[in-house]
Amino acid sequence: MKNRLAATQSQSQSLNAQVLQSIRLLGLTGLELEQELAEALAQNPMLEREEDESDVALPELTPQERAAQETAAFDELPDLWSTPGMGSGFDPEEGEDRLSRVAAPVSNDPALRVLEGLAMELKDADLAIAAAWLERTADSGYLAGDRDAIDADITAALGLRKGRAEAIRQRLLHGTPAGLAAVDLRECLLAQIHDLPAKDAGVALARDMIDRSLALVAQRDWPALAAAHAAPMEALRVAARLIQSLNPKPGEPLLAEEQVHVLPDVVAWPADGRWHVALNPQTAPRVRVASEYESALSEAGDSPSVQHLKALMNEARWLARGIAQRHDTLIKVARAVVARQQAFLERGEEGLLPLTLKEIAADVGVHESTVSRITTGKYLQTPRGLFELKRFFGVKLEGSAIAGVAIRALVKKLIDAELPAAPLADDVLVALLARRGVQVARRTVAKYREQLNIPPARQRGLAARAA
């Protein structure tokens, strides 16, 4: 058989440099974007920061007036997603957003960061179980209630077979950070020391001390420890130092990562009977191609130096378009979120509605992955405070029409309004919630009451009479 050369045609998708740049810009925080822009301005003479007259007048404007100017400015932007040659990544004919093939950045929300870390190894159904456990985990990292009761609650709510919920809790317990969703200190520390090689100095003894003698370790009762474990004093001290190196509150490092100073990317405020949403100009810089270079190069020849300058101009154009596209997407998504969560903005947590990335993607006309990127690390300033945009995507629980956070807030509101001499029992709270259209089980009310550190009605009544 003779070898022959033949030409064939085939179709394949590729992500060019401009599309990758657009993807990356979507995921950047305001600070990261400012750093990226500073580097570009230093390296590319064709690029200049765009300054409005409104920027000069900033000290004379109220925040609302300034935000209104930003809203008007972006209302006039062209539809950059459909600009020919932009390479935004979405092809209506293919029905696929190529941005979805690039991993989204990590969220600043502690629970979301944990779930995103598990997303590569757990199925969606298992991630829902993990989210349910995290919903019932206190900031310290421990379960906020009885494990068996929580297990039964999750099993019933999600229709699971017996033991499935506990298996996912064990995955959280031995994940990152280790010890999360633990029942108590003993289980938390055992989870952290579980993966250490037993042959390392002190590991085996430390495990045994945590398992059987944690109270003695806390009291530093060396004679009792020596008797209980038949170990020499030096070995006990090595094991004790290893135990002290563990973290008794695994949830706190996650909170520490979250509690960083951030500037809002978007501002929302009520006026004239409706909610207004605008970009914060401090975190939404705009750039453009320097007009003097653009006109000069249009009349220049094709020498190597001119070609180099034209390449720099193309890079400047792509960056300017990419940044404008990012701002356009952010303001559209923020407006869609605010429109969906007005009840939360007006009434607080009790008004938080279940919301998915898919719903906002449909409202805006982009892929879910685009919404994921543009809401990660972006913050919305409201009269109620500063929130990461992903905070507004509440989880629907127990078949209720509102989010679990909202149910807990309603429980607290009802208990706060009760008469001290006649506290509301859990079954009464269930009935009162039902009148509001919230159908939940009694054990769900008890769970949220425990998470709020509110004692049962009988104990509240006794405390009121004693006072």
Protein backbone atom coordinates (compact mmCIF):
# COMPACT_ATOMS: atom_id res chain seq x y z
CA MET A 1 0.00 0.00 0.00
CA LYS A 2 1.35 3.43 -0.96
CA ASN A 3 1.41 6.32 1.44
CA ARG A 4 -0.46 9.37 0.22
CA LEU A 5 -0.83 12.93 1.43
CA ALA A 6 -4.38 14.25 1.51
CA ALA A 7 -5.96 17.48 2.70
CA THR A 8 -8.98 17.21 4.96
CA GLN A 9 -11.19 19.78 6.66
CA SER A 10 -12.28 19.58 10.29
CA GLN A 11 -13.93 21.87 12.81
CA SER A 12 -12.60 22.48 16.30
CA GLN A 13 -13.02 25.08 19.00
CA SER A 14 -10.14 27.07 20.38
CA LEU A 15 -9.79 29.83 22.89
CA ASN A 16 -7.75 32.66 21.37
CA ALA A 17 -5.78 35.16 23.41
CA GLN A 18 -8.56 37.76 23.31
CA VAL A 19 -11.18 35.31 24.61
CA LEU A 20 -8.85 34.18 27.39
CA GLN A 21 -8.26 37.80 28.31
CA SER A 22 -12.01 38.43 28.47
CA ILE A 23 -12.43 35.38 30.71
CA ARG A 24 -9.67 36.49 33.03
CA LEU A 25 -10.99 40.04 33.29
CA LEU A 26 -14.43 38.76 34.31
CA GLY A 27 -12.95 36.95 37.28
CA LEU A 28 -10.70 39.76 38.54
CA THR A 29 -11.64 41.64 41.69
CA GLY A 30 -11.58 45.43 41.68
CA LEU A 31 -8.12 45.50 43.27
CA GLU A 32 -6.75 42.89 40.85
CA LEU A 33 -8.17 44.82 37.90
CA GLU A 34 -6.51 48.03 39.11
CA GLN A 35 -3.17 46.22 39.39
CA GLU A 36 -3.58 44.71 35.92
CA LEU A 37 -4.42 48.10 34.48
CA ALA A 38 -1.45 49.80 36.15
CA GLU A 39 0.91 47.29 34.53
CA ALA A 40 -0.73 47.73 31.12
CA LEU A 41 -0.54 51.53 31.30
CA ALA A 42 3.15 51.32 32.20
CA GLN A 43 3.97 48.97 29.32
CA ASN A 44 1.72 50.20 26.53
CA PRO A 45 2.02 53.87 25.45
CA MET A 46 -1.09 53.45 23.27
CA LEU A 47 -3.27 53.06 26.35
CA GLU A 48 -4.58 55.84 28.55
CA ARG A 49 -6.96 56.02 31.47
CA GLU A 50 -10.32 57.47 30.57
CA GLU A 51 -11.29 60.40 32.77
CA ASP A 52 -14.76 61.96 32.67
CA GLU A 53 -15.77 65.46 33.58
CA SER A 54 -17.86 63.69 36.20
CA ASP A 55 -14.64 62.44 37.80
CA VAL A 56 -13.42 66.02 38.21
CA ALA A 57 -16.72 67.03 39.81
CA LEU A 58 -16.75 64.05 42.18
CA PRO A 59 -16.25 66.01 45.46
CA GLU A 60 -19.39 68.06 44.74
CA LEU A 61 -21.65 65.03 44.17
CA THR A 62 -23.43 62.79 46.63
CA PRO A 63 -22.73 59.04 46.34
CA GLN A 64 -26.21 58.55 44.89
CA GLU A 65 -25.68 61.25 42.25
CA ARG A 66 -22.29 59.86 41.37
CA ALA A 67 -23.71 56.33 41.07
CA ALA A 68 -26.54 57.64 38.89
CA GLN A 69 -23.97 59.08 36.47
CA GLU A 70 -22.25 55.72 36.29
CA THR A 71 -25.58 54.01 35.57
CA ALA A 72 -26.35 56.42 32.74
CA ALA A 73 -22.88 55.99 31.28
CA PHE A 74 -23.16 52.24 31.08
CA ASP A 75 -26.72 52.35 29.79
CA GLU A 76 -25.23 53.97 26.68
CA LEU A 77 -22.62 51.24 26.10
CA PRO A 78 -23.00 49.16 22.93
CA ASP A 79 -23.80 45.47 23.27
CA LEU A 80 -20.19 44.35 23.58
CA TRP A 81 -21.17 40.70 23.73
CA SER A 82 -22.31 40.86 20.13
CA THR A 83 -19.66 43.21 18.73
CA PRO A 84 -18.18 41.53 15.60
CA GLY A 85 -14.71 40.16 16.20
CA MET A 86 -14.90 40.50 19.98
CA GLY A 87 -14.63 36.76 20.55
CA SER A 88 -16.72 36.86 23.72
CA GLY A 89 -16.88 33.08 23.82
CA PHE A 90 -20.63 32.59 23.30
CA ASP A 91 -21.83 31.22 19.98
CA PRO A 92 -25.65 31.13 19.70
CA GLU A 93 -25.48 28.53 16.91
CA GLU A 94 -23.35 26.18 18.97
CA GLY A 95 -25.40 26.84 22.11
CA GLU A 96 -22.25 26.71 24.23
CA ASP A 97 -20.32 29.33 26.13
CA ARG A 98 -16.62 28.58 25.68
CA LEU A 99 -16.01 30.44 28.92
CA SER A 100 -17.59 27.49 30.73
CA ARG A 101 -14.51 25.37 29.94
CA VAL A 102 -12.26 27.58 32.03
CA ALA A 103 -12.35 27.17 35.81
CA ALA A 104 -14.05 29.97 37.73
CA PRO A 105 -12.19 31.71 40.56
CA VAL A 106 -12.63 30.87 44.23
CA SER A 107 -15.32 32.66 46.23
CA ASN A 108 -14.70 34.70 49.37
CA ASP A 109 -17.65 33.04 51.11
CA PRO A 110 -16.30 30.35 53.53
CA ALA A 111 -18.97 27.72 52.80
CA LEU A 112 -18.76 28.33 49.05
CA ARG A 113 -14.98 27.98 49.13
CA VAL A 114 -15.30 24.61 50.86
CA LEU A 115 -17.90 23.43 48.35
CA GLU A 116 -15.83 24.64 45.40
CA GLY A 117 -12.92 22.62 46.77
CA LEU A 118 -15.12 19.51 46.73
CA ALA A 119 -16.73 20.19 43.35
CA MET A 120 -14.11 18.21 41.39
CA GLU A 121 -14.64 15.00 43.36
CA LEU A 122 -18.29 15.02 44.46
CA LYS A 123 -21.42 14.74 42.36
CA ASP A 124 -24.02 17.51 42.44
CA ALA A 125 -26.27 15.46 44.74
CA ASP A 126 -23.43 14.96 47.20
CA LEU A 127 -22.53 18.66 47.04
CA ALA A 128 -26.12 19.44 48.05
CA ILE A 129 -25.68 17.18 51.09
CA ALA A 130 -22.39 18.88 51.96
CA ALA A 131 -24.09 22.28 51.65
CA ALA A 132 -26.82 21.11 54.04
CA TRP A 133 -24.20 20.11 56.64
CA LEU A 134 -22.39 23.45 56.24
CA GLU A 135 -25.70 25.25 56.67
CA ARG A 136 -25.87 23.62 60.10
CA THR A 137 -22.25 24.29 61.05
CA ALA A 138 -21.32 27.16 63.35
CA ASP A 139 -18.58 29.69 62.59
CA SER A 140 -16.23 27.76 64.88
CA GLY A 141 -16.50 24.75 62.57
CA TYR A 142 -18.61 22.52 64.86
CA LEU A 143 -22.12 21.28 64.20
CA ALA A 144 -24.74 23.67 65.57
CA GLY A 145 -26.96 21.01 67.11
CA ASP A 146 -27.28 17.28 67.71
CA ARG A 147 -25.63 15.23 64.97
CA ASP A 148 -28.33 12.54 64.86
CA ALA A 149 -31.12 15.11 64.65
CA ILE A 150 -29.33 17.02 61.89
CA ASP A 151 -28.62 13.75 60.04
CA ALA A 152 -32.29 12.79 60.21
CA ASP A 153 -33.32 16.26 59.06
CA ILE A 154 -31.00 16.21 56.01
CA THR A 155 -31.91 12.61 55.17
CA ALA A 156 -35.62 13.40 55.20
CA ALA A 157 -35.28 16.74 53.38
CA LEU A 158 -33.18 15.32 50.53
CA GLY A 159 -34.73 11.84 50.41
CA LEU A 160 -31.50 10.00 51.18
CA ARG A 161 -30.85 6.44 52.15
CA LYS A 162 -29.70 5.85 55.71
CA GLY A 163 -26.02 6.59 56.23
CA ARG A 164 -25.54 8.69 53.09
CA ALA A 165 -25.64 12.05 54.87
CA GLU A 166 -23.14 10.86 57.48
CA ALA A 167 -20.78 9.65 54.74
CA ILE A 168 -20.67 13.15 53.26
CA ARG A 169 -20.15 14.66 56.73
CA GLN A 170 -17.14 12.39 57.11
CA ARG A 171 -15.84 13.75 53.80
CA LEU A 172 -16.16 17.29 55.18
CA LEU A 173 -14.58 16.20 58.45
CA HIS A 174 -11.49 14.82 56.71
CA GLY A 175 -11.31 17.47 53.98
CA THR A 176 -9.82 20.95 53.95
CA PRO A 177 -9.83 22.30 56.59
CA ALA A 178 -9.79 19.03 58.53
CA GLY A 179 -12.17 18.90 61.47
CA LEU A 180 -15.00 20.84 59.82
CA ALA A 181 -18.54 19.74 60.83
CA ALA A 182 -17.18 17.87 63.85
CA VAL A 183 -19.45 16.87 66.73
CA ASP A 184 -17.00 17.87 69.45
CA LEU A 185 -13.34 18.70 70.11
CA ARG A 186 -12.31 15.05 70.27
CA GLU A 187 -13.68 14.27 66.80
CA CYS A 188 -12.24 17.52 65.42
CA LEU A 189 -8.70 16.80 66.62
CA LEU A 190 -8.82 13.13 65.61
CA ALA A 191 -9.77 14.18 62.08
CA GLN A 192 -6.81 16.55 61.90
CA ILE A 193 -4.30 13.96 63.10
CA HIS A 194 -5.84 11.10 61.13
CA ASP A 195 -3.67 11.42 58.01
CA LEU A 196 -0.35 11.90 59.79
CA PRO A 197 1.96 8.87 59.46
CA ALA A 198 1.73 6.72 62.61
CA LYS A 199 5.49 6.12 62.49
CA ASP A 200 6.24 9.83 63.04
CA ALA A 201 7.31 10.76 66.55
CA GLY A 202 4.36 11.16 68.89
CA VAL A 203 1.58 10.61 66.34
CA ALA A 204 0.30 7.24 67.55
CA LEU A 205 0.43 8.30 71.20
CA ALA A 206 -1.22 11.65 70.41
CA ARG A 207 -4.12 9.86 68.68
CA ASP A 208 -4.58 7.62 71.72
CA MET A 209 -4.42 10.59 74.10
CA ILE A 210 -7.04 12.50 72.09
CA ASP A 211 -9.26 9.45 71.92
CA ARG A 212 -9.12 8.43 75.58
CA SER A 213 -7.64 11.20 77.71
CA LEU A 214 -8.39 14.60 76.21
CA ALA A 215 -9.51 16.02 79.56
CA LEU A 216 -6.23 14.94 81.16
CA VAL A 217 -4.29 16.60 78.31
CA ALA A 218 -6.17 19.85 78.92
CA GLN A 219 -5.37 19.63 82.64
CA ARG A 220 -1.75 18.70 81.88
CA ASP A 221 -2.05 15.89 84.41
CA TRP A 222 1.20 14.13 83.50
CA PRO A 223 1.11 11.43 86.20
CA ALA A 224 -2.42 10.40 85.22
CA LEU A 225 -1.49 10.42 81.52
CA ALA A 226 1.60 8.31 82.18
CA ALA A 227 -0.49 5.78 84.07
CA ALA A 228 -3.27 5.73 81.46
CA HIS A 229 -0.98 5.26 78.46
CA ALA A 230 2.03 3.51 79.97
CA ALA A 231 4.36 5.99 78.29
CA PRO A 232 7.46 7.83 79.49
CA MET A 233 7.17 11.52 80.34
CA GLU A 234 9.21 12.73 77.35
CA ALA A 235 7.01 10.79 74.91
CA LEU A 236 3.90 12.28 76.55
CA ARG A 237 5.29 15.80 76.17
CA VAL A 238 6.11 15.24 72.47
CA ALA A 239 2.57 13.97 71.86
CA ALA A 240 1.08 16.86 73.83
CA ARG A 241 3.00 19.42 71.76
CA LEU A 242 1.64 17.76 68.61
CA ILE A 243 -1.91 18.00 69.96
CA GLN A 244 -1.39 21.67 70.82
CA SER A 245 -0.35 22.34 67.22
CA LEU A 246 -3.81 21.29 65.99
CA ASN A 247 -6.62 23.81 65.46
CA PRO A 248 -9.51 23.46 67.96
CA LYS A 249 -11.69 25.81 65.85
CA PRO A 250 -11.29 24.78 62.19
CA GLY A 251 -13.86 27.29 60.97
CA GLU A 252 -12.01 30.38 62.16
CA PRO A 253 -9.27 30.38 59.47
CA LEU A 254 -12.01 30.43 56.83
CA LEU A 255 -13.61 33.44 58.49
CA ALA A 256 -10.24 35.17 58.77
CA GLU A 257 -9.80 34.79 55.01
CA GLU A 258 -13.23 36.29 54.48
CA GLN A 259 -12.79 39.26 56.81
CA VAL A 260 -10.64 41.42 54.55
CA HIS A 261 -11.23 45.06 53.73
CA VAL A 262 -12.93 45.38 50.37
CA LEU A 263 -14.36 48.21 48.32
CA PRO A 264 -17.81 47.67 46.81
CA ASP A 265 -17.89 47.01 43.08
CA VAL A 266 -21.57 47.96 42.79
CA VAL A 267 -23.85 50.26 44.77
CA ALA A 268 -27.61 49.77 45.20
CA TRP A 269 -30.00 52.23 46.84
CA PRO A 270 -33.76 52.95 46.82
CA ALA A 271 -35.07 56.20 45.36
CA ASP A 272 -38.22 57.35 43.58
CA GLY A 273 -40.00 54.13 44.45
CA ARG A 274 -37.48 51.79 42.84
CA TRP A 275 -34.02 50.36 43.33
CA HIS A 276 -31.09 51.96 41.53
CA VAL A 277 -27.90 50.03 40.79
CA ALA A 278 -24.60 51.51 39.59
CA LEU A 279 -20.93 50.65 39.40
CA ASN A 280 -18.54 52.09 41.92
CA PRO A 281 -16.13 54.26 39.87
CA GLN A 282 -13.30 53.47 42.32
CA THR A 283 -13.37 49.80 41.32
CA ALA A 284 -14.53 50.22 37.71
CA PRO A 285 -11.68 51.96 35.87
CA ARG A 286 -12.05 52.64 32.16
CA VAL A 287 -9.31 52.95 29.55
CA ARG A 288 -9.11 53.86 25.88
CA VAL A 289 -6.62 54.06 23.03
CA ALA A 290 -4.74 57.37 23.04
CA SER A 291 -6.44 59.37 20.28
CA GLU A 292 -3.27 61.15 19.12
CA TYR A 293 -1.50 57.84 18.45
CA GLU A 294 -4.52 56.37 16.68
CA SER A 295 -4.77 59.23 14.17
CA ALA A 296 -1.00 59.34 13.62
CA LEU A 297 -0.66 55.62 12.93
CA SER A 298 -3.54 55.61 10.49
CA GLU A 299 -1.40 57.74 8.15
CA ALA A 300 1.94 55.99 8.81
CA GLY A 301 3.61 53.42 6.60
CA ASP A 302 4.41 49.75 7.26
CA SER A 303 7.92 49.88 8.65
CA PRO A 304 8.82 47.38 11.41
CA SER A 305 8.61 50.09 14.07
CA VAL A 306 5.17 51.15 12.84
CA GLN A 307 4.01 47.52 12.79
CA HIS A 308 5.14 47.17 16.41
CA LEU A 309 3.19 50.28 17.40
CA LYS A 310 0.10 48.99 15.58
CA ALA A 311 0.39 45.72 17.50
CA LEU A 312 0.47 47.68 20.75
CA MET A 313 -2.60 49.61 19.58
CA ASN A 314 -4.49 46.37 18.94
CA GLU A 315 -3.58 45.16 22.42
CA ALA A 316 -4.84 48.45 23.86
CA ARG A 317 -8.12 48.12 21.97
CA TRP A 318 -8.66 44.56 23.21
CA LEU A 319 -7.97 45.52 26.81
CA ALA A 320 -10.29 48.54 26.62
CA ARG A 321 -13.04 46.39 25.11
CA GLY A 322 -12.47 43.60 27.62
CA ILE A 323 -12.71 45.98 30.58
CA ALA A 324 -15.86 47.61 29.18
CA GLN A 325 -17.33 44.13 28.62
CA ARG A 326 -16.55 43.20 32.23
CA HIS A 327 -18.23 46.35 33.55
CA ASP A 328 -21.25 45.82 31.29
CA THR A 329 -21.70 42.24 32.46
CA LEU A 330 -21.24 43.18 36.12
CA ILE A 331 -23.86 45.92 36.07
CA LYS A 332 -26.37 43.73 34.22
CA VAL A 333 -25.91 40.82 36.62
CA ALA A 334 -26.06 43.10 39.68
CA ARG A 335 -29.29 44.66 38.46
CA ALA A 336 -30.81 41.23 37.88
CA VAL A 337 -29.80 40.10 41.37
CA VAL A 338 -31.19 43.24 43.00
CA ALA A 339 -34.44 42.88 41.06
CA ARG A 340 -34.81 39.30 42.32
CA GLN A 341 -33.78 40.01 45.92
CA GLN A 342 -35.59 43.28 46.66
CA ALA A 343 -37.35 41.64 49.61
CA PHE A 344 -33.98 40.89 51.21
CA LEU A 345 -32.78 44.46 50.68
CA GLU A 346 -35.97 45.86 52.19
CA ARG A 347 -36.68 43.40 55.04
CA GLY A 348 -33.44 41.59 55.72
CA GLU A 349 -32.67 37.87 55.83
CA GLU A 350 -36.31 36.85 56.17
CA GLY A 351 -36.87 38.11 52.63
CA LEU A 352 -34.01 36.16 50.99
CA LEU A 353 -35.40 34.06 48.14
CA PRO A 354 -33.91 30.92 46.60
CA LEU A 355 -31.88 31.99 43.58
CA THR A 356 -29.63 30.10 41.17
CA LEU A 357 -26.91 31.11 38.76
CA LYS A 358 -29.03 29.65 35.97
CA GLU A 359 -31.91 32.04 36.69
CA ILE A 360 -29.68 35.13 36.59
CA ALA A 361 -27.91 33.81 33.48
CA ALA A 362 -31.30 33.54 31.76
CA ASP A 363 -32.24 37.08 32.84
CA VAL A 364 -29.00 38.56 31.51
CA GLY A 365 -28.56 36.32 28.46
CA VAL A 366 -25.21 34.74 29.31
CA HIS A 367 -23.94 31.34 30.44
CA GLU A 368 -24.04 30.24 34.10
CA SER A 369 -20.25 30.16 34.18
CA THR A 370 -20.16 33.83 33.24
CA VAL A 371 -22.46 34.67 36.16
CA SER A 372 -20.27 32.56 38.45
CA ARG A 373 -17.14 34.47 37.47
CA ILE A 374 -18.63 37.94 37.59
CA THR A 375 -20.21 37.38 41.03
CA THR A 376 -17.08 35.88 42.62
CA GLY A 377 -15.17 38.37 44.70
CA LYS A 378 -17.46 41.24 43.65
CA TYR A 379 -19.29 43.14 46.40
CA LEU A 380 -22.57 45.03 46.47
CA GLN A 381 -23.00 47.98 48.84
CA THR A 382 -26.59 48.30 50.09
CA PRO A 383 -28.31 50.20 52.90
CA ARG A 384 -28.14 46.90 54.83
CA GLY A 385 -24.40 46.51 54.44
CA LEU A 386 -21.77 45.09 52.12
CA PHE A 387 -22.40 41.66 50.58
CA GLU A 388 -20.57 39.48 48.10
CA LEU A 389 -22.87 39.03 45.12
CA LYS A 390 -22.80 35.26 45.59
CA ARG A 391 -24.37 35.82 49.01
CA PHE A 392 -27.68 36.48 47.26
CA PHE A 393 -27.87 32.99 45.80
CA GLY A 394 -29.87 31.45 48.64
CA VAL A 395 -30.48 27.70 48.94
CA LYS A 396 -34.04 26.37 48.98
CA LEU A 397 -34.62 23.93 51.83
CA GLU A 398 -37.32 21.50 52.94
CA GLY A 399 -39.58 22.33 50.02
CA SER A 400 -40.12 25.88 51.27
CA ALA A 401 -40.56 28.76 48.88
CA ILE A 402 -37.89 30.79 50.68
CA ALA A 403 -34.27 30.19 51.56
CA GLY A 404 -33.11 28.46 54.73
CA VAL A 405 -31.50 31.69 55.94
CA ALA A 406 -34.85 33.43 55.61
CA ILE A 407 -36.65 30.72 57.62
CA ARG A 408 -34.14 31.09 60.44
CA ALA A 409 -34.61 34.88 60.41
CA LEU A 410 -38.39 34.46 60.60
CA VAL A 411 -38.06 32.10 63.57
CA LYS A 412 -35.94 34.68 65.39
CA LYS A 413 -38.38 37.47 64.57
CA LEU A 414 -41.35 35.53 65.92
CA ILE A 415 -39.54 34.60 69.14
CA ASP A 416 -38.31 38.18 69.64
CA ALA A 417 -41.93 39.37 69.44
CA GLU A 418 -43.38 36.77 71.85
CA LEU A 419 -44.75 37.64 75.30
CA PRO A 420 -42.19 36.66 77.97
CA ALA A 421 -44.93 35.06 80.06
CA ALA A 422 -46.24 33.04 77.11
CA PRO A 423 -43.29 31.85 74.99
CA LEU A 424 -44.04 30.20 71.66
CA ALA A 425 -43.50 26.45 71.46
CA ASP A 426 -41.93 24.98 68.33
CA ASP A 427 -45.26 23.60 67.04
CA VAL A 428 -46.82 27.04 67.47
CA LEU A 429 -43.97 28.56 65.51
CA VAL A 430 -44.64 26.00 62.76
CA ALA A 431 -48.27 27.13 62.60
CA LEU A 432 -47.32 30.82 62.53
CA LEU A 433 -44.85 30.19 59.71
CA ALA A 434 -47.52 28.28 57.79
CA ARG A 435 -49.76 31.36 57.95
CA ARG A 436 -46.97 33.19 56.14
CA GLY A 437 -46.87 30.49 53.47
CA VAL A 438 -43.75 28.80 54.85
CA GLN A 439 -44.27 25.06 55.22
CA VAL A 440 -41.61 23.50 57.44
CA ALA A 441 -41.40 20.60 59.86
CA ARG A 442 -41.24 21.06 63.64
CA ARG A 443 -37.73 19.61 63.74
CA THR A 444 -36.65 22.28 61.22
CA VAL A 445 -37.90 25.03 63.50
CA ALA A 446 -36.12 23.40 66.45
CA LYS A 447 -32.93 23.18 64.42
CA TYR A 448 -32.94 26.87 63.52
CA ARG A 449 -33.83 27.83 67.10
CA GLU A 450 -30.80 25.84 68.33
CA GLN A 451 -28.58 27.51 65.73
CA LEU A 452 -29.72 30.85 67.13
CA ASN A 453 -28.82 29.66 70.65
CA ILE A 454 -32.43 30.13 71.78
CA PRO A 455 -33.62 27.67 74.45
CA PRO A 456 -36.97 25.82 74.18
CA ALA A 457 -40.22 27.55 75.16
CA ARG A 458 -40.32 25.87 78.58
CA GLN A 459 -36.87 27.15 79.52
CA ARG A 460 -37.66 30.62 78.19
CA GLY A 461 -40.80 30.67 80.33
CA LEU A 462 -38.94 29.60 83.46
CA ALA A 463 -36.30 32.26 82.85
CA ALA A 464 -38.98 34.93 82.42
CA ARG A 465 -40.73 33.96 85.66
CA ALA A 466 -37.42 33.89 87.53
CA ALA A 467 -36.64 37.38 86.34
